[in-house]
Amino acid sequence: MPVILLIEDDFRLARMVSDYLRESKFEVLHAGDGAAGLTVLRRKPVDLVILDLMLPDADGLDLFREIRALSPAAAAIPVIMLTARGDPMDRVVGLEIGAEDYIPKPFEPRELLARIRVVLRRGRPGPGSAGDILRFGRLEIDRGARQVRVDGETKSLTSYQFDLLAIMAERAGRVLSREQLAELAGRHGQPYDPSLDRSVDVHIARIRSAIEEDAKHPRHIITVRGAGYVFAKGRD
């Protein structure tokens, strides 16, 4: 049974979400503020965190960074952010610092459940074999272990970023639009929203920072102006 930590100060909302997720066979732990959430994470392993950005004792973005700094295990936990704030920059910053997903309030519990399932499904490693590994010079994309390595060094990507990279690498030489990338990666399980183009760009930027020798002059992921992105064939 996957364990979910919900960090949310609205107890009515937390009760509703917790009851709904428990009916869907999840174990749910609730923390009413940031300090309580960190205490739970120090004591018990969890599979996913749902984090409200507006907490009484902490800014959610700052708390996210604290979670990532707790331990290597905590740094790998996928996080879905919740917020009632309407500033799109909150969403962009959340994605830039490594959140898996971002849901504005109010939301339907069924939508949250669908996104949780997508995020957890991304994080499950499959069986490893030589055929699962894509190699491009110094870059290795291990689809079985869901790892990316450059010169043998494992690079840190979120599960969604790994999916984007694998999708592009599997179609090396083919230009993919932001809409195609979002749909192929199963983002939110919803029709593509053109107003959210920036989120794809944010994830691509983070992937480049991880795998490129010079992210400002990428050799693997090339921007095709007005069209999207292409993973270059035969680049070292």
C-alpha atoms as a PDB file:
ATOM      1  CA  MET A   1       0.000   0.000   0.000  1.00  0.00           C
ATOM      2  CA  PRO A   2       1.706   3.267  -1.084  1.00  0.00           C
ATOM      3  CA  VAL A   3       2.224   5.775   1.723  1.00  0.00           C
ATOM      4  CA  ILE A   4       1.312   9.407   1.060  1.00  0.00           C
ATOM      5  CA  LEU A   5       2.160  12.344   3.320  1.00  0.00           C
ATOM      6  CA  LEU A   6      -0.308  15.216   3.027  1.00  0.00           C
ATOM      7  CA  ILE A   7       1.035  18.512   4.422  1.00  0.00           C
ATOM      8  CA  GLU A   8      -2.047  20.741   4.546  1.00  0.00           C
ATOM      9  CA  ASP A   9      -3.286  23.193   7.188  1.00  0.00           C
ATOM     10  CA  ASP A  10      -6.920  23.137   6.006  1.00  0.00           C
ATOM     11  CA  PHE A  11      -8.158  20.258   8.156  1.00  0.00           C
ATOM     12  CA  ARG A  12     -11.503  19.996   6.386  1.00  0.00           C
ATOM     13  CA  LEU A  13      -9.810  19.623   3.018  1.00  0.00           C
ATOM     14  CA  ALA A  14      -7.215  17.263   4.490  1.00  0.00           C
ATOM     15  CA  ARG A  15      -9.928  15.020   5.931  1.00  0.00           C
ATOM     16  CA  MET A  16     -11.788  14.892   2.632  1.00  0.00           C
ATOM     17  CA  VAL A  17      -8.630  14.107   0.625  1.00  0.00           C
ATOM     18  CA  SER A  18      -7.377  11.568   3.159  1.00  0.00           C
ATOM     19  CA  ASP A  19     -10.681   9.690   3.247  1.00  0.00           C
ATOM     20  CA  TYR A  20     -10.879   9.619  -0.548  1.00  0.00           C
ATOM     21  CA  LEU A  21      -7.325   8.326  -0.957  1.00  0.00           C
ATOM     22  CA  ARG A  22      -7.743   5.705   1.739  1.00  0.00           C
ATOM     23  CA  GLU A  23     -10.790   4.387  -0.113  1.00  0.00           C
ATOM     24  CA  SER A  24      -8.467   4.077  -3.115  1.00  0.00           C
ATOM     25  CA  LYS A  25      -6.049   1.862  -1.140  1.00  0.00           C
ATOM     26  CA  PHE A  26      -3.450   4.417  -0.077  1.00  0.00           C
ATOM     27  CA  GLU A  27      -2.082   4.911   3.409  1.00  0.00           C
ATOM     28  CA  VAL A  28      -2.339   8.623   4.185  1.00  0.00           C
ATOM     29  CA  LEU A  29      -0.411  10.498   6.863  1.00  0.00           C
ATOM     30  CA  HIS A  30      -1.501  14.059   7.598  1.00  0.00           C
ATOM     31  CA  ALA A  31       0.616  16.919   8.921  1.00  0.00           C
ATOM     32  CA  GLY A  32      -1.018  20.265   9.660  1.00  0.00           C
ATOM     33  CA  ASP A  33       2.115  22.383   9.207  1.00  0.00           C
ATOM     34  CA  GLY A  34       5.629  22.253   7.868  1.00  0.00           C
ATOM     35  CA  ALA A  35       7.338  21.292  11.114  1.00  0.00           C
ATOM     36  CA  ALA A  36       5.016  18.328  11.588  1.00  0.00           C
ATOM     37  CA  GLY A  37       5.614  17.265   7.997  1.00  0.00           C
ATOM     38  CA  LEU A  38       9.384  17.241   8.472  1.00  0.00           C
ATOM     39  CA  THR A  39       8.963  15.215  11.669  1.00  0.00           C
ATOM     40  CA  VAL A  40       6.962  12.577   9.814  1.00  0.00           C
ATOM     41  CA  LEU A  41       9.575  12.382   7.049  1.00  0.00           C
ATOM     42  CA  ARG A  42      12.357  11.863   9.590  1.00  0.00           C
ATOM     43  CA  ARG A  43      10.489   8.974  11.193  1.00  0.00           C
ATOM     44  CA  LYS A  44       8.753   7.114   8.395  1.00  0.00           C
ATOM     45  CA  PRO A  45       9.481   6.414   4.707  1.00  0.00           C
ATOM     46  CA  VAL A  46       6.805   7.685   2.350  1.00  0.00           C
ATOM     47  CA  ASP A  47       6.206   7.185  -1.368  1.00  0.00           C
ATOM     48  CA  LEU A  48       4.853  10.645  -2.206  1.00  0.00           C
ATOM     49  CA  VAL A  49       4.292  14.045  -0.587  1.00  0.00           C
ATOM     50  CA  ILE A  50       1.345  16.332  -1.296  1.00  0.00           C
ATOM     51  CA  LEU A  51       2.483  19.782  -0.176  1.00  0.00           C
ATOM     52  CA  ASP A  52       0.349  22.896   0.311  1.00  0.00           C
ATOM     53  CA  LEU A  53       2.342  26.022  -0.555  1.00  0.00           C
ATOM     54  CA  MET A  54       0.526  28.223   1.994  1.00  0.00           C
ATOM     55  CA  LEU A  55       1.269  26.916   5.475  1.00  0.00           C
ATOM     56  CA  PRO A  56       1.035  28.737   8.821  1.00  0.00           C
ATOM     57  CA  ASP A  57       4.678  28.182   9.739  1.00  0.00           C
ATOM     58  CA  ALA A  58       6.510  27.988   6.420  1.00  0.00           C
ATOM     59  CA  ASP A  59       6.499  28.961   2.791  1.00  0.00           C
ATOM     60  CA  GLY A  60       5.808  25.811   0.805  1.00  0.00           C
ATOM     61  CA  LEU A  61       8.657  26.390  -1.641  1.00  0.00           C
ATOM     62  CA  ASP A  62      11.135  26.811   1.216  1.00  0.00           C
ATOM     63  CA  LEU A  63       9.728  23.697   2.880  1.00  0.00           C
ATOM     64  CA  PHE A  64      10.169  21.770  -0.358  1.00  0.00           C
ATOM     65  CA  ARG A  65      13.869  22.656  -0.319  1.00  0.00           C
ATOM     66  CA  GLU A  66      14.112  21.530   3.319  1.00  0.00           C
ATOM     67  CA  ILE A  67      12.532  18.194   2.400  1.00  0.00           C
ATOM     68  CA  ARG A  68      15.042  17.705  -0.388  1.00  0.00           C
ATOM     69  CA  ALA A  69      17.898  18.449   2.011  1.00  0.00           C
ATOM     70  CA  LEU A  70      16.784  15.995   4.724  1.00  0.00           C
ATOM     71  CA  SER A  71      18.447  12.911   3.248  1.00  0.00           C
ATOM     72  CA  PRO A  72      19.158  11.198  -0.080  1.00  0.00           C
ATOM     73  CA  ALA A  73      15.953   9.182   0.402  1.00  0.00           C
ATOM     74  CA  ALA A  74      13.872  12.311   1.018  1.00  0.00           C
ATOM     75  CA  ALA A  75      15.451  13.989  -2.003  1.00  0.00           C
ATOM     76  CA  ALA A  76      14.035  11.212  -4.200  1.00  0.00           C
ATOM     77  CA  ILE A  77      10.441  11.423  -2.934  1.00  0.00           C
ATOM     78  CA  PRO A  78       8.113  12.831  -5.609  1.00  0.00           C
ATOM     79  CA  VAL A  79       6.190  15.940  -4.510  1.00  0.00           C
ATOM     80  CA  ILE A  80       2.866  17.264  -5.791  1.00  0.00           C
ATOM     81  CA  MET A  81       2.241  20.888  -4.821  1.00  0.00           C
ATOM     82  CA  LEU A  82      -1.149  22.378  -3.947  1.00  0.00           C
ATOM     83  CA  THR A  83      -1.883  26.093  -3.915  1.00  0.00           C
ATOM     84  CA  ALA A  84      -4.709  28.595  -3.864  1.00  0.00           C
ATOM     85  CA  ARG A  85      -2.358  31.328  -5.060  1.00  0.00           C
ATOM     86  CA  GLY A  86      -2.952  32.447  -8.597  1.00  0.00           C
ATOM     87  CA  ASP A  87       0.563  33.592  -9.463  1.00  0.00           C
ATOM     88  CA  PRO A  88       1.817  31.424 -12.370  1.00  0.00           C
ATOM     89  CA  MET A  89       5.387  32.057 -11.213  1.00  0.00           C
ATOM     90  CA  ASP A  90       4.693  29.873  -8.169  1.00  0.00           C
ATOM     91  CA  ARG A  91       4.037  27.017 -10.543  1.00  0.00           C
ATOM     92  CA  VAL A  92       7.148  27.725 -12.589  1.00  0.00           C
ATOM     93  CA  VAL A  93       9.375  27.988  -9.511  1.00  0.00           C
ATOM     94  CA  GLY A  94       7.904  24.787  -8.110  1.00  0.00           C
ATOM     95  CA  LEU A  95       8.728  22.907 -11.284  1.00  0.00           C
ATOM     96  CA  GLU A  96      12.156  24.492 -11.524  1.00  0.00           C
ATOM     97  CA  ILE A  97      13.162  23.254  -8.082  1.00  0.00           C
ATOM     98  CA  GLY A  98      11.992  19.719  -8.842  1.00  0.00           C
ATOM     99  CA  ALA A  99       8.294  19.226  -8.023  1.00  0.00           C
ATOM    100  CA  GLU A 100       6.611  16.475 -10.040  1.00  0.00           C
ATOM    101  CA  ASP A 101       3.275  18.228 -10.389  1.00  0.00           C
ATOM    102  CA  TYR A 102       1.296  21.301  -9.341  1.00  0.00           C
ATOM    103  CA  ILE A 103      -2.448  21.461  -8.695  1.00  0.00           C
ATOM    104  CA  PRO A 104      -4.377  24.714  -8.117  1.00  0.00           C
ATOM    105  CA  LYS A 105      -7.198  24.823  -5.586  1.00  0.00           C
ATOM    106  CA  PRO A 106     -10.042  24.072  -5.756  1.00  0.00           C
ATOM    107  CA  PHE A 107      -9.605  20.663  -7.376  1.00  0.00           C
ATOM    108  CA  GLU A 108     -11.556  17.454  -7.775  1.00  0.00           C
ATOM    109  CA  PRO A 109     -10.320  14.535  -5.648  1.00  0.00           C
ATOM    110  CA  ARG A 110     -10.545  12.303  -8.731  1.00  0.00           C
ATOM    111  CA  GLU A 111      -8.105  14.598 -10.540  1.00  0.00           C
ATOM    112  CA  LEU A 112      -5.671  14.453  -7.637  1.00  0.00           C
ATOM    113  CA  LEU A 113      -5.946  10.660  -7.542  1.00  0.00           C
ATOM    114  CA  ALA A 114      -5.234  10.432 -11.276  1.00  0.00           C
ATOM    115  CA  ARG A 115      -2.137  12.588 -10.945  1.00  0.00           C
ATOM    116  CA  ILE A 116      -0.889  10.612  -7.947  1.00  0.00           C
ATOM    117  CA  ARG A 117      -1.185   7.375  -9.901  1.00  0.00           C
ATOM    118  CA  VAL A 118       0.694   8.852 -12.865  1.00  0.00           C
ATOM    119  CA  VAL A 119       3.524  10.119 -10.660  1.00  0.00           C
ATOM    120  CA  LEU A 120       3.876   6.831  -8.765  1.00  0.00           C
ATOM    121  CA  ARG A 121       3.763   4.836 -11.991  1.00  0.00           C
ATOM    122  CA  ARG A 122       6.610   6.909 -13.419  1.00  0.00           C
ATOM    123  CA  GLY A 123       8.771   6.173 -10.424  1.00  0.00           C
ATOM    124  CA  ARG A 124       8.630   2.374 -10.635  1.00  0.00           C
ATOM    125  CA  PRO A 125      11.754   0.827 -12.148  1.00  0.00           C
ATOM    126  CA  GLY A 126      11.269  -1.900 -14.692  1.00  0.00           C
ATOM    127  CA  PRO A 127      13.442  -4.942 -15.416  1.00  0.00           C
ATOM    128  CA  GLY A 128      16.928  -4.025 -16.531  1.00  0.00           C
ATOM    129  CA  SER A 129      18.701  -5.326 -19.623  1.00  0.00           C
ATOM    130  CA  ALA A 130      21.210  -4.081 -22.155  1.00  0.00           C
ATOM    131  CA  GLY A 131      18.346  -3.265 -24.505  1.00  0.00           C
ATOM    132  CA  ASP A 132      16.936  -0.889 -21.915  1.00  0.00           C
ATOM    133  CA  ILE A 133      19.975   1.387 -22.163  1.00  0.00           C
ATOM    134  CA  LEU A 134      20.236   4.129 -24.787  1.00  0.00           C
ATOM    135  CA  ARG A 135      23.789   5.369 -25.332  1.00  0.00           C
ATOM    136  CA  PHE A 136      24.841   8.646 -26.920  1.00  0.00           C
ATOM    137  CA  GLY A 137      28.565   9.055 -26.419  1.00  0.00           C
ATOM    138  CA  ARG A 138      29.122   9.903 -22.760  1.00  0.00           C
ATOM    139  CA  LEU A 139      25.375   9.890 -22.058  1.00  0.00           C
ATOM    140  CA  GLU A 140      23.512   6.741 -20.973  1.00  0.00           C
ATOM    141  CA  ILE A 141      19.745   6.570 -20.476  1.00  0.00           C
ATOM    142  CA  ASP A 142      18.880   3.422 -18.537  1.00  0.00           C
ATOM    143  CA  ARG A 143      15.160   2.922 -19.061  1.00  0.00           C
ATOM    144  CA  GLY A 144      15.007  -0.182 -16.862  1.00  0.00           C
ATOM    145  CA  ALA A 145      16.608   1.427 -13.813  1.00  0.00           C
ATOM    146  CA  ARG A 146      15.216   4.870 -14.769  1.00  0.00           C
ATOM    147  CA  GLN A 147      18.642   6.414 -14.392  1.00  0.00           C
ATOM    148  CA  VAL A 148      20.615   8.894 -16.464  1.00  0.00           C
ATOM    149  CA  ARG A 149      24.409   8.761 -16.390  1.00  0.00           C
ATOM    150  CA  VAL A 150      27.092  10.975 -17.883  1.00  0.00           C
ATOM    151  CA  ASP A 151      30.578   9.445 -17.844  1.00  0.00           C
ATOM    152  CA  GLY A 152      29.188   6.879 -15.401  1.00  0.00           C
ATOM    153  CA  GLU A 153      27.949   9.512 -12.948  1.00  0.00           C
ATOM    154  CA  THR A 154      24.233   9.314 -12.140  1.00  0.00           C
ATOM    155  CA  LYS A 155      22.393  12.581 -12.708  1.00  0.00           C
ATOM    156  CA  SER A 156      19.378  13.708 -10.701  1.00  0.00           C
ATOM    157  CA  LEU A 157      16.131  14.100 -12.645  1.00  0.00           C
ATOM    158  CA  THR A 158      12.516  13.908 -11.551  1.00  0.00           C
ATOM    159  CA  SER A 159      10.493  11.006 -12.928  1.00  0.00           C
ATOM    160  CA  TYR A 160       8.700  13.324 -15.342  1.00  0.00           C
ATOM    161  CA  GLN A 161      11.984  14.771 -16.586  1.00  0.00           C
ATOM    162  CA  PHE A 162      13.332  11.258 -17.111  1.00  0.00           C
ATOM    163  CA  ASP A 163      10.241  10.422 -19.184  1.00  0.00           C
ATOM    164  CA  LEU A 164      10.698  13.542 -21.322  1.00  0.00           C
ATOM    165  CA  LEU A 165      14.355  12.719 -21.948  1.00  0.00           C
ATOM    166  CA  ALA A 166      13.647   9.074 -22.797  1.00  0.00           C
ATOM    167  CA  ILE A 167      10.831  10.056 -25.163  1.00  0.00           C
ATOM    168  CA  MET A 168      13.102  12.446 -27.052  1.00  0.00           C
ATOM    169  CA  ALA A 169      16.055  10.029 -27.127  1.00  0.00           C
ATOM    170  CA  GLU A 170      13.882   7.188 -28.437  1.00  0.00           C
ATOM    171  CA  ARG A 171      12.852   9.514 -31.283  1.00  0.00           C
ATOM    172  CA  ALA A 172      16.303  11.005 -31.926  1.00  0.00           C
ATOM    173  CA  GLY A 173      16.314  13.168 -35.015  1.00  0.00           C
ATOM    174  CA  ARG A 174      12.582  13.835 -34.886  1.00  0.00           C
ATOM    175  CA  VAL A 175      11.289  17.286 -33.936  1.00  0.00           C
ATOM    176  CA  LEU A 176       8.671  17.098 -31.175  1.00  0.00           C
ATOM    177  CA  SER A 177       6.417  19.992 -30.224  1.00  0.00           C
ATOM    178  CA  ARG A 178       5.728  20.894 -26.599  1.00  0.00           C
ATOM    179  CA  GLU A 179       2.220  19.518 -27.031  1.00  0.00           C
ATOM    180  CA  GLN A 180       3.534  16.174 -28.303  1.00  0.00           C
ATOM    181  CA  LEU A 181       6.032  15.936 -25.458  1.00  0.00           C
ATOM    182  CA  ALA A 182       3.378  16.684 -22.843  1.00  0.00           C
ATOM    183  CA  GLU A 183       0.972  14.151 -24.315  1.00  0.00           C
ATOM    184  CA  LEU A 184       3.590  11.402 -24.732  1.00  0.00           C
ATOM    185  CA  ALA A 185       4.783  11.888 -21.155  1.00  0.00           C
ATOM    186  CA  GLY A 186       1.207  11.727 -19.903  1.00  0.00           C
ATOM    187  CA  ARG A 187       1.360  15.089 -18.160  1.00  0.00           C
ATOM    188  CA  HIS A 188      -1.654  15.359 -15.868  1.00  0.00           C
ATOM    189  CA  GLY A 189      -3.567  12.880 -18.013  1.00  0.00           C
ATOM    190  CA  GLN A 190      -5.379  15.881 -19.486  1.00  0.00           C
ATOM    191  CA  PRO A 191      -5.641  17.623 -22.852  1.00  0.00           C
ATOM    192  CA  TYR A 192      -2.701  19.910 -23.444  1.00  0.00           C
ATOM    193  CA  ASP A 193      -3.124  23.498 -22.255  1.00  0.00           C
ATOM    194  CA  PRO A 194      -1.136  25.893 -24.495  1.00  0.00           C
ATOM    195  CA  SER A 195      -0.942  28.406 -21.643  1.00  0.00           C
ATOM    196  CA  LEU A 196       1.364  25.985 -19.818  1.00  0.00           C
ATOM    197  CA  ASP A 197       4.061  25.868 -22.523  1.00  0.00           C
ATOM    198  CA  ARG A 198       6.527  27.282 -20.025  1.00  0.00           C
ATOM    199  CA  SER A 199       6.380  24.168 -17.829  1.00  0.00           C
ATOM    200  CA  VAL A 200       7.770  21.988 -20.636  1.00  0.00           C
ATOM    201  CA  ASP A 201      10.515  24.559 -21.213  1.00  0.00           C
ATOM    202  CA  VAL A 202      11.347  24.543 -17.489  1.00  0.00           C
ATOM    203  CA  HIS A 203      11.757  20.770 -17.445  1.00  0.00           C
ATOM    204  CA  ILE A 204      13.865  20.809 -20.628  1.00  0.00           C
ATOM    205  CA  ALA A 205      16.124  23.422 -19.034  1.00  0.00           C
ATOM    206  CA  ARG A 206      16.628  21.206 -15.980  1.00  0.00           C
ATOM    207  CA  ILE A 207      17.385  18.182 -18.161  1.00  0.00           C
ATOM    208  CA  ARG A 208      19.967  20.190 -20.087  1.00  0.00           C
ATOM    209  CA  SER A 209      21.596  21.330 -16.849  1.00  0.00           C
ATOM    210  CA  ALA A 210      21.942  17.683 -15.856  1.00  0.00           C
ATOM    211  CA  ILE A 211      23.211  16.129 -19.092  1.00  0.00           C
ATOM    212  CA  GLU A 212      24.838  18.837 -21.179  1.00  0.00           C
ATOM    213  CA  GLU A 213      28.435  19.951 -20.773  1.00  0.00           C
ATOM    214  CA  ASP A 214      27.258  23.499 -21.507  1.00  0.00           C
ATOM    215  CA  ALA A 215      23.504  23.955 -21.046  1.00  0.00           C
ATOM    216  CA  LYS A 216      23.600  27.267 -22.932  1.00  0.00           C
ATOM    217  CA  HIS A 217      25.052  25.508 -25.976  1.00  0.00           C
ATOM    218  CA  PRO A 218      23.403  22.063 -25.829  1.00  0.00           C
ATOM    219  CA  ARG A 219      24.615  19.196 -27.993  1.00  0.00           C
ATOM    220  CA  HIS A 220      21.859  16.700 -27.226  1.00  0.00           C
ATOM    221  CA  ILE A 221      18.567  18.585 -26.872  1.00  0.00           C
ATOM    222  CA  ILE A 222      18.282  21.219 -29.570  1.00  0.00           C
ATOM    223  CA  THR A 223      15.604  23.906 -29.736  1.00  0.00           C
ATOM    224  CA  VAL A 224      13.885  24.203 -33.102  1.00  0.00           C
ATOM    225  CA  ARG A 225      12.466  27.710 -33.110  1.00  0.00           C
ATOM    226  CA  GLY A 226       8.725  27.775 -33.594  1.00  0.00           C
ATOM    227  CA  ALA A 227       8.489  23.979 -33.660  1.00  0.00           C
ATOM    228  CA  GLY A 228       9.746  22.420 -30.418  1.00  0.00           C
ATOM    229  CA  TYR A 229      12.754  20.275 -29.541  1.00  0.00           C
ATOM    230  CA  VAL A 230      14.827  17.554 -31.184  1.00  0.00           C
ATOM    231  CA  PHE A 231      17.245  15.083 -29.648  1.00  0.00           C
ATOM    232  CA  ALA A 232      20.282  15.167 -31.912  1.00  0.00           C
ATOM    233  CA  LYS A 233      21.484  11.901 -33.416  1.00  0.00           C
ATOM    234  CA  GLY A 234      25.092  10.851 -33.098  1.00  0.00           C
ATOM    235  CA  ARG A 235      26.143  13.551 -30.619  1.00  0.00           C
ATOM    236  CA  ASP A 236      28.933  12.769 -28.142  1.00  0.00           C
END
